[in-house]
Amino acid sequence: MSFGRVGWLFGIEGDIGYAPDFFGESETFGTNSLLTAMGNLIVNVPAGPVRPFVTGGIGLVRTRLDLIGTSNAGVDTNDLGYNFGGGVMVFLPAHLGIRGDIRYFRTFSDISIPVLGDIDNKSIRFTRITVGLVIH
């Protein structure tokens, strides 16, 4: 979910994303999720009803992973992260529009999840594609 204001050239937005089962399903761990809450700057091309844009910002990346059958309770971290990407907004009559974008997210710091060997001392990195309704 994104909310904000886009002016003639610049805009700001808040972006919140939640992904349950971000690390998949496994017998090693139970519930897991990833939450992002970012503040972004938008730079758009004021080209009438079709506006391409680029965006980027920083904010919170919250990772949660419950481990099963270990003495370790799991992973529950709050990390500083960033995102950048681009997309297009198409404004329609009656104050509605459509928006699509692709963004790359990454944490600044590394996390360690020993039971997931490929996520030991690495940053969280992923790409997200979204399509949504614009109310303007």
C-alpha atoms as a PDB file:
ATOM      1  CA  MET A   1       0.000   0.000   0.000  1.00  0.00           C
ATOM      2  CA  SER A   2       1.376   3.386  -0.950  1.00  0.00           C
ATOM      3  CA  PHE A   3       0.032   6.791  -0.074  1.00  0.00           C
ATOM      4  CA  GLY A   4       1.348  10.259  -0.782  1.00  0.00           C
ATOM      5  CA  ARG A   5       1.241  13.278  -2.982  1.00  0.00           C
ATOM      6  CA  VAL A   6       2.717  13.807  -6.425  1.00  0.00           C
ATOM      7  CA  GLY A   7       3.181  17.350  -7.678  1.00  0.00           C
ATOM      8  CA  TRP A   8       4.183  18.652 -11.087  1.00  0.00           C
ATOM      9  CA  LEU A   9       7.705  17.155 -10.897  1.00  0.00           C
ATOM     10  CA  PHE A  10       8.335  15.842  -7.347  1.00  0.00           C
ATOM     11  CA  GLY A  11       6.289  13.876  -4.863  1.00  0.00           C
ATOM     12  CA  ILE A  12       6.547  12.021  -1.592  1.00  0.00           C
ATOM     13  CA  GLU A  13       5.020   8.741  -0.530  1.00  0.00           C
ATOM     14  CA  GLY A  14       4.808   6.294   2.293  1.00  0.00           C
ATOM     15  CA  ASP A  15       4.982   2.657   1.236  1.00  0.00           C
ATOM     16  CA  ILE A  16       4.031  -0.295   3.441  1.00  0.00           C
ATOM     17  CA  GLY A  17       4.436  -3.877   2.316  1.00  0.00           C
ATOM     18  CA  TYR A  18       3.803  -7.173   4.116  1.00  0.00           C
ATOM     19  CA  ALA A  19       4.768 -10.639   2.885  1.00  0.00           C
ATOM     20  CA  PRO A  20       3.638 -13.633   4.955  1.00  0.00           C
ATOM     21  CA  ASP A  21       5.730 -16.781   4.386  1.00  0.00           C
ATOM     22  CA  PHE A  22       8.477 -14.639   2.844  1.00  0.00           C
ATOM     23  CA  PHE A  23      11.055 -17.417   3.358  1.00  0.00           C
ATOM     24  CA  GLY A  24       8.613 -20.118   2.186  1.00  0.00           C
ATOM     25  CA  GLU A  25       7.302 -23.090   4.103  1.00  0.00           C
ATOM     26  CA  SER A  26       9.560 -25.628   5.815  1.00  0.00           C
ATOM     27  CA  GLU A  27       9.630 -28.189   8.616  1.00  0.00           C
ATOM     28  CA  THR A  28      12.582 -26.287  10.120  1.00  0.00           C
ATOM     29  CA  PHE A  29      10.695 -23.073  10.735  1.00  0.00           C
ATOM     30  CA  GLY A  30       7.120 -22.111  11.303  1.00  0.00           C
ATOM     31  CA  THR A  31       5.538 -18.768  10.648  1.00  0.00           C
ATOM     32  CA  ASN A  32       7.690 -16.148   8.974  1.00  0.00           C
ATOM     33  CA  SER A  33       7.097 -12.754   7.468  1.00  0.00           C
ATOM     34  CA  LEU A  34       8.708  -9.604   6.176  1.00  0.00           C
ATOM     35  CA  LEU A  35       7.355  -6.075   6.657  1.00  0.00           C
ATOM     36  CA  THR A  36       8.652  -2.943   4.941  1.00  0.00           C
ATOM     37  CA  ALA A  37       7.742   0.641   5.842  1.00  0.00           C
ATOM     38  CA  MET A  38       9.526   3.175   3.636  1.00  0.00           C
ATOM     39  CA  GLY A  39       9.476   6.911   3.063  1.00  0.00           C
ATOM     40  CA  ASN A  40      10.165   7.716  -0.594  1.00  0.00           C
ATOM     41  CA  LEU A  41      10.818  10.610  -2.942  1.00  0.00           C
ATOM     42  CA  ILE A  42       9.172  10.428  -6.374  1.00  0.00           C
ATOM     43  CA  VAL A  43      10.452  12.213  -9.469  1.00  0.00           C
ATOM     44  CA  ASN A  44       7.957  12.051 -12.318  1.00  0.00           C
ATOM     45  CA  VAL A  45       7.828  13.251 -15.901  1.00  0.00           C
ATOM     46  CA  PRO A  46       4.866  15.639 -16.182  1.00  0.00           C
ATOM     47  CA  ALA A  47       3.616  14.324 -19.534  1.00  0.00           C
ATOM     48  CA  GLY A  48      -0.130  14.699 -19.202  1.00  0.00           C
ATOM     49  CA  PRO A  49      -2.232  11.732 -18.142  1.00  0.00           C
ATOM     50  CA  VAL A  50       0.664   9.234 -18.521  1.00  0.00           C
ATOM     51  CA  ARG A  51       3.492   9.886 -16.045  1.00  0.00           C
ATOM     52  CA  PRO A  52       6.603   7.709 -15.868  1.00  0.00           C
ATOM     53  CA  PHE A  53       8.441   8.043 -12.550  1.00  0.00           C
ATOM     54  CA  VAL A  54      11.444   6.936 -10.543  1.00  0.00           C
ATOM     55  CA  THR A  55      11.358   6.545  -6.790  1.00  0.00           C
ATOM     56  CA  GLY A  56      13.633   5.745  -3.897  1.00  0.00           C
ATOM     57  CA  GLY A  57      13.779   6.000  -0.144  1.00  0.00           C
ATOM     58  CA  ILE A  58      14.741   4.494   3.195  1.00  0.00           C
ATOM     59  CA  GLY A  59      12.905   2.927   6.091  1.00  0.00           C
ATOM     60  CA  LEU A  60      12.230  -0.161   8.177  1.00  0.00           C
ATOM     61  CA  VAL A  61      12.649  -3.791   7.109  1.00  0.00           C
ATOM     62  CA  ARG A  62      11.230  -6.083   9.802  1.00  0.00           C
ATOM     63  CA  THR A  63      12.066  -9.778   9.518  1.00  0.00           C
ATOM     64  CA  ARG A  64      10.356 -12.449  11.603  1.00  0.00           C
ATOM     65  CA  LEU A  65      11.089 -16.162  11.557  1.00  0.00           C
ATOM     66  CA  ASP A  66       9.986 -18.703  14.178  1.00  0.00           C
ATOM     67  CA  LEU A  67      12.298 -21.734  14.416  1.00  0.00           C
ATOM     68  CA  ILE A  68      10.931 -25.176  15.290  1.00  0.00           C
ATOM     69  CA  GLY A  69      12.828 -27.728  17.374  1.00  0.00           C
ATOM     70  CA  THR A  70      15.809 -25.554  18.327  1.00  0.00           C
ATOM     71  CA  SER A  71      16.875 -23.821  21.515  1.00  0.00           C
ATOM     72  CA  ASN A  72      16.911 -20.599  19.506  1.00  0.00           C
ATOM     73  CA  ALA A  73      13.571 -18.774  19.645  1.00  0.00           C
ATOM     74  CA  GLY A  74      13.927 -17.472  16.101  1.00  0.00           C
ATOM     75  CA  VAL A  75      14.726 -14.257  14.356  1.00  0.00           C
ATOM     76  CA  ASP A  76      12.880 -11.008  14.982  1.00  0.00           C
ATOM     77  CA  THR A  77      14.857  -8.045  13.644  1.00  0.00           C
ATOM     78  CA  ASN A  78      14.266  -4.436  12.715  1.00  0.00           C
ATOM     79  CA  ASP A  79      16.789  -3.239  10.136  1.00  0.00           C
ATOM     80  CA  LEU A  80      17.305  -0.043   8.197  1.00  0.00           C
ATOM     81  CA  GLY A  81      16.809  -0.595   4.488  1.00  0.00           C
ATOM     82  CA  TYR A  82      16.362   1.202   1.211  1.00  0.00           C
ATOM     83  CA  ASN A  83      14.435   0.804  -2.013  1.00  0.00           C
ATOM     84  CA  PHE A  84      14.532   2.232  -5.505  1.00  0.00           C
ATOM     85  CA  GLY A  85      12.662   1.634  -8.712  1.00  0.00           C
ATOM     86  CA  GLY A  86      10.361   3.110 -11.286  1.00  0.00           C
ATOM     87  CA  GLY A  87       7.025   2.794 -12.964  1.00  0.00           C
ATOM     88  CA  VAL A  88       4.192   4.622 -14.616  1.00  0.00           C
ATOM     89  CA  MET A  89       0.976   6.285 -13.454  1.00  0.00           C
ATOM     90  CA  VAL A  90      -1.930   6.657 -15.877  1.00  0.00           C
ATOM     91  CA  PHE A  91      -4.485   9.228 -14.749  1.00  0.00           C
ATOM     92  CA  LEU A  92      -8.062   8.643 -15.906  1.00  0.00           C
ATOM     93  CA  PRO A  93     -11.082  10.941 -15.700  1.00  0.00           C
ATOM     94  CA  ALA A  94     -13.169  11.041 -12.515  1.00  0.00           C
ATOM     95  CA  HIS A  95     -10.110  11.282 -10.234  1.00  0.00           C
ATOM     96  CA  LEU A  96      -8.999   7.692 -10.804  1.00  0.00           C
ATOM     97  CA  GLY A  97      -5.937   6.113 -12.336  1.00  0.00           C
ATOM     98  CA  ILE A  98      -3.748   3.034 -12.545  1.00  0.00           C
ATOM     99  CA  ARG A  99      -0.186   2.670 -11.320  1.00  0.00           C
ATOM    100  CA  GLY A 100       2.419  -0.009 -11.838  1.00  0.00           C
ATOM    101  CA  ASP A 101       5.981  -0.167 -10.571  1.00  0.00           C
ATOM    102  CA  ILE A 102       8.957  -2.386  -9.910  1.00  0.00           C
ATOM    103  CA  ARG A 103      11.215  -1.826  -6.890  1.00  0.00           C
ATOM    104  CA  TYR A 104      14.373  -3.301  -5.472  1.00  0.00           C
ATOM    105  CA  PHE A 105      14.648  -3.567  -1.660  1.00  0.00           C
ATOM    106  CA  ARG A 106      17.749  -4.235   0.446  1.00  0.00           C
ATOM    107  CA  THR A 107      18.813  -3.945   4.082  1.00  0.00           C
ATOM    108  CA  PHE A 108      21.939  -1.965   4.966  1.00  0.00           C
ATOM    109  CA  SER A 109      23.080  -4.569   7.500  1.00  0.00           C
ATOM    110  CA  ASP A 110      23.483  -8.339   7.337  1.00  0.00           C
ATOM    111  CA  ILE A 111      21.314 -10.795   9.219  1.00  0.00           C
ATOM    112  CA  SER A 112      22.110 -14.317  10.281  1.00  0.00           C
ATOM    113  CA  ILE A 113      19.660 -17.214  10.143  1.00  0.00           C
ATOM    114  CA  PRO A 114      21.800 -20.319  10.831  1.00  0.00           C
ATOM    115  CA  VAL A 115      19.142 -22.880   9.834  1.00  0.00           C
ATOM    116  CA  LEU A 116      18.913 -21.280   6.405  1.00  0.00           C
ATOM    117  CA  GLY A 117      22.488 -21.695   5.211  1.00  0.00           C
ATOM    118  CA  ASP A 118      22.014 -19.417   2.221  1.00  0.00           C
ATOM    119  CA  ILE A 119      20.853 -16.529   4.464  1.00  0.00           C
ATOM    120  CA  ASP A 120      23.759 -16.553   6.914  1.00  0.00           C
ATOM    121  CA  ASN A 121      25.370 -13.113   7.261  1.00  0.00           C
ATOM    122  CA  LYS A 122      23.711 -11.628   4.195  1.00  0.00           C
ATOM    123  CA  SER A 123      21.450  -8.660   3.662  1.00  0.00           C
ATOM    124  CA  ILE A 124      17.808  -9.132   2.770  1.00  0.00           C
ATOM    125  CA  ARG A 125      17.405  -8.399  -0.958  1.00  0.00           C
ATOM    126  CA  PHE A 126      14.311  -8.756  -3.102  1.00  0.00           C
ATOM    127  CA  THR A 127      12.367  -7.211  -5.964  1.00  0.00           C
ATOM    128  CA  ARG A 128       8.674  -6.355  -5.810  1.00  0.00           C
ATOM    129  CA  ILE A 129       6.246  -5.637  -8.650  1.00  0.00           C
ATOM    130  CA  THR A 130       2.965  -3.874  -7.844  1.00  0.00           C
ATOM    131  CA  VAL A 131      -0.103  -2.676  -9.712  1.00  0.00           C
ATOM    132  CA  GLY A 132      -2.724  -0.537  -8.048  1.00  0.00           C
ATOM    133  CA  LEU A 133      -5.488   2.015  -8.143  1.00  0.00           C
ATOM    134  CA  VAL A 134      -4.670   5.737  -7.998  1.00  0.00           C
ATOM    135  CA  ILE A 135      -7.087   8.211  -6.471  1.00  0.00           C
ATOM    136  CA  HIS A 136      -6.186  11.796  -7.391  1.00  0.00           C
END
